Amino acid sequence: NRARNVEDFRSALNYFDFGSQNWIYADVEGNIAYFTSAENPIRSDLAVGPPDGGIPPWFIRDGTGALNHEWAPVS
């Protein structure tokens, strides 16, 4: 199968859930996109945040499952 647009390409990344992969998309219309397909574990033992006491507001840790590439901001 081949992706016909960026939505098809991004949807296909759901099948790559091993390790950390970087993906670049470009088409003849001049659209360029970058995605990562890494899964990030959601762990309750990391809820205290980094050593400086801060925690990025976009990084949700509720102790269940994993965050996949969908958490990454795109525009």
N, C-alpha and C. Protein backbone atom coordinates (compact mmCIF):
# COMPACT_ATOMS: atom_id res chain seq x y z
N ASN A 1 0.83 -1.18 0.00
CA ASN A 1 0.00 0.00 0.00
C ASN A 1 0.87 1.25 0.00
N ARG A 2 0.33 2.32 -0.54
CA ARG A 2 1.03 3.60 -0.56
C ARG A 2 0.11 4.67 -0.01
N ALA A 3 0.70 5.59 0.72
CA ALA A 3 -0.06 6.72 1.23
C ALA A 3 -0.32 7.70 0.09
N ARG A 4 -1.53 8.21 0.03
CA ARG A 4 -1.89 9.17 -1.00
C ARG A 4 -1.87 10.60 -0.47
N ASN A 5 -1.78 10.75 0.85
CA ASN A 5 -1.74 12.07 1.46
C ASN A 5 -1.16 11.94 2.87
N VAL A 6 -1.00 13.07 3.54
CA VAL A 6 -0.38 13.05 4.87
C VAL A 6 -1.23 12.30 5.89
N GLU A 7 -2.55 12.31 5.73
CA GLU A 7 -3.42 11.58 6.65
C GLU A 7 -3.20 10.07 6.52
N ASP A 8 -3.09 9.58 5.28
CA ASP A 8 -2.79 8.16 5.06
C ASP A 8 -1.44 7.79 5.66
N PHE A 9 -0.45 8.67 5.46
CA PHE A 9 0.89 8.42 5.97
C PHE A 9 0.89 8.33 7.49
N ARG A 10 0.25 9.31 8.13
CA ARG A 10 0.20 9.32 9.59
C ARG A 10 -0.57 8.11 10.13
N SER A 11 -1.63 7.74 9.47
CA SER A 11 -2.41 6.58 9.89
C SER A 11 -1.57 5.30 9.82
N ALA A 12 -0.73 5.18 8.80
CA ALA A 12 0.11 3.99 8.64
C ALA A 12 1.12 3.86 9.77
N LEU A 13 1.49 4.96 10.41
CA LEU A 13 2.47 4.90 11.50
C LEU A 13 1.94 4.12 12.70
N ASN A 14 0.64 3.93 12.79
CA ASN A 14 0.08 3.13 13.89
C ASN A 14 0.56 1.69 13.85
N TYR A 15 1.04 1.23 12.70
CA TYR A 15 1.53 -0.14 12.58
C TYR A 15 3.00 -0.29 12.98
N PHE A 16 3.68 0.82 13.25
CA PHE A 16 5.09 0.80 13.64
C PHE A 16 5.19 1.20 15.11
N ASP A 17 5.07 0.21 16.00
CA ASP A 17 5.11 0.51 17.43
C ASP A 17 6.30 -0.16 18.11
N PHE A 18 7.38 -0.30 17.39
CA PHE A 18 8.58 -0.92 17.95
C PHE A 18 9.70 0.11 17.97
N GLY A 19 10.41 0.18 19.07
CA GLY A 19 11.53 1.09 19.16
C GLY A 19 11.13 2.53 18.89
N SER A 20 12.07 3.31 18.48
CA SER A 20 11.83 4.71 18.15
C SER A 20 12.25 4.94 16.71
N GLN A 21 11.32 5.34 15.89
CA GLN A 21 11.59 5.60 14.48
C GLN A 21 11.25 7.05 14.16
N ASN A 22 12.00 7.66 13.28
CA ASN A 22 11.72 9.00 12.80
C ASN A 22 11.25 8.90 11.36
N TRP A 23 10.20 9.64 11.02
CA TRP A 23 9.59 9.55 9.70
C TRP A 23 9.46 10.95 9.10
N ILE A 24 9.82 11.07 7.84
CA ILE A 24 9.70 12.32 7.11
C ILE A 24 8.70 12.10 5.97
N TYR A 25 7.79 13.05 5.80
CA TYR A 25 6.80 12.99 4.72
C TYR A 25 6.96 14.24 3.87
N ALA A 26 6.91 14.08 2.57
CA ALA A 26 6.90 15.21 1.64
C ALA A 26 6.08 14.80 0.43
N ASP A 27 5.37 15.76 -0.15
CA ASP A 27 4.59 15.45 -1.35
C ASP A 27 4.80 16.50 -2.42
N VAL A 28 4.23 16.28 -3.58
CA VAL A 28 4.43 17.18 -4.72
C VAL A 28 3.74 18.52 -4.53
N GLU A 29 2.85 18.63 -3.55
CA GLU A 29 2.17 19.89 -3.27
C GLU A 29 2.98 20.78 -2.33
N GLY A 30 4.15 20.31 -1.90
CA GLY A 30 5.01 21.11 -1.03
C GLY A 30 4.80 20.90 0.45
N ASN A 31 3.96 19.95 0.82
CA ASN A 31 3.75 19.64 2.24
C ASN A 31 4.92 18.81 2.75
N ILE A 32 5.42 19.19 3.92
CA ILE A 32 6.51 18.46 4.57
C ILE A 32 6.11 18.22 6.01
N ALA A 33 6.34 17.01 6.51
CA ALA A 33 5.97 16.68 7.89
C ALA A 33 7.03 15.77 8.50
N TYR A 34 7.15 15.83 9.81
CA TYR A 34 8.06 14.98 10.58
C TYR A 34 7.25 14.32 11.68
N PHE A 35 7.42 13.02 11.84
CA PHE A 35 6.74 12.28 12.90
C PHE A 35 7.73 11.36 13.58
N THR A 36 7.46 11.04 14.82
CA THR A 36 8.19 9.99 15.52
C THR A 36 7.18 8.94 15.94
N SER A 37 7.58 7.68 15.90
CA SER A 37 6.63 6.62 16.24
C SER A 37 6.98 5.94 17.56
N ALA A 38 7.74 6.61 18.38
CA ALA A 38 8.14 6.01 19.66
C ALA A 38 6.96 5.94 20.62
N GLU A 39 6.92 4.87 21.41
CA GLU A 39 5.96 4.79 22.51
C GLU A 39 6.67 5.24 23.78
N ASN A 40 6.01 6.08 24.53
CA ASN A 40 6.56 6.57 25.79
C ASN A 40 5.73 6.01 26.93
N PRO A 41 6.34 5.26 27.83
CA PRO A 41 5.56 4.66 28.92
C PRO A 41 4.99 5.70 29.86
N ILE A 42 3.80 5.45 30.34
CA ILE A 42 3.18 6.29 31.37
C ILE A 42 3.43 5.57 32.68
N ARG A 43 4.28 6.15 33.53
CA ARG A 43 4.69 5.46 34.74
C ARG A 43 4.42 6.32 35.96
N SER A 44 3.76 5.74 36.93
CA SER A 44 3.43 6.48 38.15
C SER A 44 4.68 6.84 38.94
N ASP A 45 5.76 6.05 38.82
CA ASP A 45 6.96 6.36 39.58
C ASP A 45 7.71 7.57 39.03
N LEU A 46 7.30 8.06 37.88
CA LEU A 46 7.90 9.27 37.32
C LEU A 46 7.05 10.51 37.59
N ALA A 47 5.97 10.36 38.32
CA ALA A 47 5.03 11.46 38.53
C ALA A 47 5.63 12.62 39.31
N VAL A 48 6.73 12.41 39.99
CA VAL A 48 7.35 13.51 40.74
C VAL A 48 8.01 14.50 39.82
N GLY A 49 8.22 14.14 38.56
CA GLY A 49 8.80 15.05 37.60
C GLY A 49 10.31 15.04 37.60
N PRO A 50 10.91 15.91 36.81
CA PRO A 50 12.36 15.98 36.74
C PRO A 50 12.96 16.58 38.01
N PRO A 51 14.29 16.50 38.18
CA PRO A 51 14.93 16.97 39.42
C PRO A 51 14.61 18.41 39.80
N ASP A 52 14.35 19.28 38.83
CA ASP A 52 14.06 20.67 39.17
C ASP A 52 12.63 20.88 39.66
N GLY A 53 11.84 19.80 39.73
CA GLY A 53 10.48 19.89 40.26
C GLY A 53 9.42 20.21 39.22
N GLY A 54 9.83 20.55 38.01
CA GLY A 54 8.86 20.88 36.97
C GLY A 54 8.46 19.66 36.18
N ILE A 55 7.35 19.76 35.50
CA ILE A 55 6.90 18.69 34.60
C ILE A 55 6.20 19.35 33.42
N PRO A 56 6.56 18.95 32.20
CA PRO A 56 5.91 19.56 31.05
C PRO A 56 4.40 19.34 31.10
N PRO A 57 3.60 20.37 30.88
CA PRO A 57 2.14 20.23 30.99
C PRO A 57 1.54 19.29 29.96
N TRP A 58 2.22 19.05 28.85
CA TRP A 58 1.69 18.17 27.81
C TRP A 58 2.02 16.71 28.05
N PHE A 59 2.83 16.39 29.05
CA PHE A 59 3.23 15.01 29.29
C PHE A 59 2.38 14.43 30.40
N ILE A 60 1.37 13.66 30.03
CA ILE A 60 0.40 13.12 30.97
C ILE A 60 0.92 11.80 31.52
N ARG A 61 0.93 11.66 32.84
CA ARG A 61 1.33 10.40 33.46
C ARG A 61 0.22 9.96 34.39
N ASP A 62 -0.58 9.02 33.96
CA ASP A 62 -1.66 8.56 34.82
C ASP A 62 -1.46 7.12 35.27
N GLY A 63 -0.32 6.52 34.96
CA GLY A 63 -0.01 5.18 35.43
C GLY A 63 -0.57 4.05 34.60
N THR A 64 -1.17 4.37 33.46
CA THR A 64 -1.73 3.31 32.62
C THR A 64 -1.25 3.48 31.19
N GLY A 65 -0.97 2.37 30.55
CA GLY A 65 -0.70 2.36 29.11
C GLY A 65 0.56 3.08 28.69
N ALA A 66 0.53 3.60 27.47
CA ALA A 66 1.67 4.29 26.89
C ALA A 66 1.17 5.39 25.98
N LEU A 67 2.00 6.40 25.81
CA LEU A 67 1.72 7.47 24.86
C LEU A 67 2.41 7.12 23.56
N ASN A 68 1.71 7.12 22.45
CA ASN A 68 2.38 6.88 21.19
C ASN A 68 2.62 8.20 20.49
N HIS A 69 2.89 8.16 19.20
CA HIS A 69 3.25 9.38 18.47
C HIS A 69 2.14 10.42 18.45
N GLU A 70 0.92 10.07 18.81
CA GLU A 70 -0.18 11.02 18.73
C GLU A 70 -0.08 12.15 19.75
N TRP A 71 0.76 12.01 20.79
CA TRP A 71 0.88 13.08 21.78
C TRP A 71 1.70 14.25 21.25
N ALA A 72 2.50 14.01 20.22
CA ALA A 72 3.38 15.05 19.69
C ALA A 72 2.57 16.13 18.98
N PRO A 73 2.86 17.40 19.26
CA PRO A 73 2.12 18.48 18.59
C PRO A 73 2.46 18.54 17.11
N VAL A 74 1.47 18.79 16.28
CA VAL A 74 1.67 18.96 14.84
C VAL A 74 0.82 20.12 14.37
N SER A 75 1.25 20.71 13.28
CA SER A 75 0.44 21.78 12.67
C SER A 75 0.58 21.73 11.17
